[in-house]
Amino acid sequence: MVGISEYPIAKWRLPAVAGDEREIAELLGSKHGSFHGHSVNVLTDNKATKAGVLEAIREVFENASADDTVFIYLAGH
């Protein structure tokens, strides 16, 4: 999951996005979520760099089997 709240131009900022990402990830990984018992990776703001996102996607697909479900969620501009 990738959520970016902070942008260099103040009017572009989305104050709730990073927090929403963390809450959605918590729900997805909870006992009521689709990914209960599995890792839900969250990258927000300064961790959501191009290199960071590409590395996280690479890791997910390297470790996924043919029957796994992969969910990628992006929020921001």
N, C-alpha and C. Protein backbone atom coordinates (compact mmCIF):
# COMPACT_ATOMS: atom_id res chain seq x y z
N MET A 1 0.85 -1.16 0.00
CA MET A 1 0.00 0.00 0.00
C MET A 1 0.89 1.22 0.00
N VAL A 2 0.55 2.18 -0.84
CA VAL A 2 1.34 3.41 -0.98
C VAL A 2 0.41 4.59 -0.79
N GLY A 3 0.75 5.46 0.14
CA GLY A 3 -0.04 6.65 0.37
C GLY A 3 0.84 7.87 0.57
N ILE A 4 0.59 8.90 -0.20
CA ILE A 4 1.40 10.10 -0.11
C ILE A 4 0.51 11.28 0.28
N SER A 5 0.83 11.86 1.43
CA SER A 5 0.12 13.04 1.94
C SER A 5 0.89 14.31 1.68
N GLU A 6 2.21 14.22 1.79
CA GLU A 6 3.07 15.40 1.73
C GLU A 6 3.59 15.64 0.32
N TYR A 7 3.41 16.85 -0.16
CA TYR A 7 3.90 17.29 -1.46
C TYR A 7 4.61 18.62 -1.28
N PRO A 8 5.53 18.96 -2.18
CA PRO A 8 6.29 20.20 -2.02
C PRO A 8 5.42 21.46 -2.07
N ILE A 9 4.32 21.41 -2.79
CA ILE A 9 3.43 22.56 -2.89
C ILE A 9 2.27 22.35 -1.91
N ALA A 10 2.11 23.31 -1.02
CA ALA A 10 1.14 23.17 0.08
C ALA A 10 -0.27 22.84 -0.39
N LYS A 11 -0.74 23.44 -1.47
CA LYS A 11 -2.12 23.19 -1.90
C LYS A 11 -2.31 21.78 -2.46
N TRP A 12 -1.24 21.06 -2.73
CA TRP A 12 -1.33 19.68 -3.21
C TRP A 12 -1.39 18.67 -2.08
N ARG A 13 -1.11 19.09 -0.86
CA ARG A 13 -1.05 18.15 0.27
C ARG A 13 -2.41 17.52 0.55
N LEU A 14 -2.35 16.25 0.94
CA LEU A 14 -3.55 15.48 1.25
C LEU A 14 -3.39 14.94 2.67
N PRO A 15 -3.73 15.72 3.68
CA PRO A 15 -3.38 15.39 5.06
C PRO A 15 -3.86 14.03 5.56
N ALA A 16 -4.95 13.51 5.04
CA ALA A 16 -5.50 12.27 5.58
C ALA A 16 -4.97 11.00 4.92
N VAL A 17 -4.33 11.11 3.78
CA VAL A 17 -3.98 9.93 2.99
C VAL A 17 -3.09 8.95 3.74
N ALA A 18 -1.99 9.40 4.30
CA ALA A 18 -1.05 8.48 4.98
C ALA A 18 -1.74 7.76 6.14
N GLY A 19 -2.52 8.47 6.92
CA GLY A 19 -3.24 7.85 8.03
C GLY A 19 -4.27 6.85 7.54
N ASP A 20 -4.97 7.20 6.47
CA ASP A 20 -5.95 6.28 5.88
C ASP A 20 -5.27 4.99 5.42
N GLU A 21 -4.10 5.12 4.82
CA GLU A 21 -3.36 3.94 4.37
C GLU A 21 -3.06 3.01 5.53
N ARG A 22 -2.59 3.57 6.62
CA ARG A 22 -2.25 2.75 7.79
C ARG A 22 -3.50 2.05 8.34
N GLU A 23 -4.61 2.77 8.38
CA GLU A 23 -5.85 2.17 8.90
C GLU A 23 -6.38 1.08 7.97
N ILE A 24 -6.32 1.28 6.67
CA ILE A 24 -6.77 0.26 5.72
C ILE A 24 -5.88 -0.97 5.83
N ALA A 25 -4.57 -0.76 5.95
CA ALA A 25 -3.63 -1.89 6.10
C ALA A 25 -3.93 -2.67 7.37
N GLU A 26 -4.23 -1.97 8.45
CA GLU A 26 -4.56 -2.64 9.71
C GLU A 26 -5.82 -3.48 9.54
N LEU A 27 -6.82 -2.94 8.87
CA LEU A 27 -8.06 -3.69 8.63
C LEU A 27 -7.81 -4.90 7.74
N LEU A 28 -7.06 -4.73 6.66
CA LEU A 28 -6.79 -5.85 5.75
C LEU A 28 -6.04 -6.98 6.44
N GLY A 29 -5.15 -6.64 7.37
CA GLY A 29 -4.38 -7.65 8.07
C GLY A 29 -5.06 -8.20 9.31
N SER A 30 -6.20 -7.62 9.69
CA SER A 30 -6.91 -8.06 10.90
C SER A 30 -7.63 -9.38 10.66
N LYS A 31 -8.20 -9.92 11.74
CA LYS A 31 -8.92 -11.20 11.61
C LYS A 31 -10.14 -11.08 10.72
N HIS A 32 -10.60 -9.87 10.46
CA HIS A 32 -11.76 -9.65 9.59
C HIS A 32 -11.34 -9.30 8.16
N GLY A 33 -10.04 -9.15 7.94
CA GLY A 33 -9.55 -8.70 6.64
C GLY A 33 -9.20 -9.83 5.69
N SER A 34 -9.09 -9.48 4.43
CA SER A 34 -8.77 -10.44 3.38
C SER A 34 -7.35 -10.99 3.47
N PHE A 35 -6.47 -10.30 4.20
CA PHE A 35 -5.07 -10.71 4.29
C PHE A 35 -4.66 -11.05 5.73
N HIS A 36 -5.63 -11.56 6.49
CA HIS A 36 -5.37 -11.94 7.88
C HIS A 36 -4.22 -12.94 7.94
N GLY A 37 -3.27 -12.67 8.81
CA GLY A 37 -2.14 -13.57 8.99
C GLY A 37 -1.02 -13.35 7.98
N HIS A 38 -1.20 -12.37 7.11
CA HIS A 38 -0.18 -12.08 6.10
C HIS A 38 0.33 -10.65 6.29
N SER A 39 1.49 -10.43 5.80
CA SER A 39 2.11 -9.11 5.89
C SER A 39 1.43 -8.13 4.94
N VAL A 40 1.13 -6.94 5.44
CA VAL A 40 0.61 -5.85 4.60
C VAL A 40 1.65 -4.74 4.70
N ASN A 41 2.33 -4.48 3.60
CA ASN A 41 3.40 -3.50 3.57
C ASN A 41 2.82 -2.12 3.26
N VAL A 42 3.20 -1.12 4.06
CA VAL A 42 2.70 0.24 3.88
C VAL A 42 3.89 1.17 3.69
N LEU A 43 3.85 1.93 2.61
CA LEU A 43 4.86 2.96 2.35
C LEU A 43 4.14 4.30 2.29
N THR A 44 4.53 5.23 3.16
CA THR A 44 3.92 6.55 3.14
C THR A 44 4.99 7.62 3.03
N ASP A 45 4.57 8.72 2.44
CA ASP A 45 5.38 9.93 2.28
C ASP A 45 6.83 9.66 1.88
N ASN A 46 7.80 9.98 2.73
CA ASN A 46 9.21 9.88 2.32
C ASN A 46 9.68 8.45 2.10
N LYS A 47 8.94 7.45 2.53
CA LYS A 47 9.28 6.05 2.26
C LYS A 47 8.70 5.59 0.92
N ALA A 48 7.78 6.37 0.38
CA ALA A 48 7.12 6.02 -0.88
C ALA A 48 7.87 6.61 -2.08
N THR A 49 9.17 6.41 -2.10
CA THR A 49 9.97 6.86 -3.23
C THR A 49 9.81 5.88 -4.39
N LYS A 50 10.23 6.28 -5.55
CA LYS A 50 10.18 5.38 -6.70
C LYS A 50 10.93 4.09 -6.39
N ALA A 51 12.15 4.22 -5.86
CA ALA A 51 12.96 3.04 -5.54
C ALA A 51 12.29 2.19 -4.47
N GLY A 52 11.73 2.82 -3.44
CA GLY A 52 11.06 2.07 -2.38
C GLY A 52 9.85 1.31 -2.86
N VAL A 53 9.05 1.95 -3.71
CA VAL A 53 7.85 1.30 -4.23
C VAL A 53 8.23 0.15 -5.16
N LEU A 54 9.18 0.37 -6.06
CA LEU A 54 9.59 -0.70 -6.97
C LEU A 54 10.19 -1.88 -6.22
N GLU A 55 10.95 -1.61 -5.17
CA GLU A 55 11.54 -2.69 -4.37
C GLU A 55 10.44 -3.49 -3.66
N ALA A 56 9.46 -2.80 -3.10
CA ALA A 56 8.36 -3.48 -2.41
C ALA A 56 7.57 -4.35 -3.38
N ILE A 57 7.29 -3.83 -4.57
CA ILE A 57 6.56 -4.61 -5.57
C ILE A 57 7.38 -5.82 -6.00
N ARG A 58 8.67 -5.63 -6.21
CA ARG A 58 9.54 -6.74 -6.61
C ARG A 58 9.51 -7.84 -5.55
N GLU A 59 9.62 -7.45 -4.29
CA GLU A 59 9.61 -8.44 -3.19
C GLU A 59 8.29 -9.20 -3.15
N VAL A 60 7.19 -8.49 -3.32
CA VAL A 60 5.88 -9.14 -3.28
C VAL A 60 5.78 -10.20 -4.38
N PHE A 61 6.14 -9.84 -5.59
CA PHE A 61 6.00 -10.78 -6.69
C PHE A 61 7.03 -11.90 -6.65
N GLU A 62 8.19 -11.64 -6.10
CA GLU A 62 9.18 -12.72 -5.94
C GLU A 62 8.70 -13.77 -4.96
N ASN A 63 7.94 -13.36 -3.95
CA ASN A 63 7.51 -14.27 -2.90
C ASN A 63 6.10 -14.81 -3.12
N ALA A 64 5.41 -14.36 -4.15
CA ALA A 64 4.04 -14.81 -4.40
C ALA A 64 4.04 -16.08 -5.23
N SER A 65 3.07 -16.94 -4.92
CA SER A 65 2.90 -18.14 -5.73
C SER A 65 1.75 -17.90 -6.72
N ALA A 66 1.55 -18.82 -7.62
CA ALA A 66 0.53 -18.68 -8.66
C ALA A 66 -0.88 -18.54 -8.08
N ASP A 67 -1.13 -19.09 -6.91
CA ASP A 67 -2.47 -19.04 -6.32
C ASP A 67 -2.66 -17.88 -5.35
N ASP A 68 -1.64 -17.09 -5.12
CA ASP A 68 -1.74 -15.97 -4.19
C ASP A 68 -2.50 -14.80 -4.80
N THR A 69 -3.11 -14.01 -3.94
CA THR A 69 -3.74 -12.76 -4.35
C THR A 69 -2.82 -11.62 -3.96
N VAL A 70 -2.53 -10.76 -4.90
CA VAL A 70 -1.70 -9.58 -4.65
C VAL A 70 -2.58 -8.35 -4.82
N PHE A 71 -2.55 -7.48 -3.81
CA PHE A 71 -3.37 -6.28 -3.80
C PHE A 71 -2.42 -5.09 -3.67
N ILE A 72 -2.45 -4.20 -4.63
CA ILE A 72 -1.63 -2.98 -4.57
C ILE A 72 -2.57 -1.80 -4.55
N TYR A 73 -2.41 -0.96 -3.53
CA TYR A 73 -3.29 0.18 -3.33
C TYR A 73 -2.45 1.44 -3.35
N LEU A 74 -2.81 2.39 -4.21
CA LEU A 74 -2.07 3.64 -4.32
C LEU A 74 -3.02 4.80 -4.03
N ALA A 75 -2.60 5.73 -3.18
CA ALA A 75 -3.41 6.91 -2.91
C ALA A 75 -2.50 8.13 -2.91
N GLY A 76 -2.90 9.15 -3.63
CA GLY A 76 -2.12 10.38 -3.75
C GLY A 76 -2.47 11.03 -5.07
N HIS A 77 -1.62 11.96 -5.51
CA HIS A 77 -1.84 12.61 -6.80
C HIS A 77 -1.10 11.86 -7.86
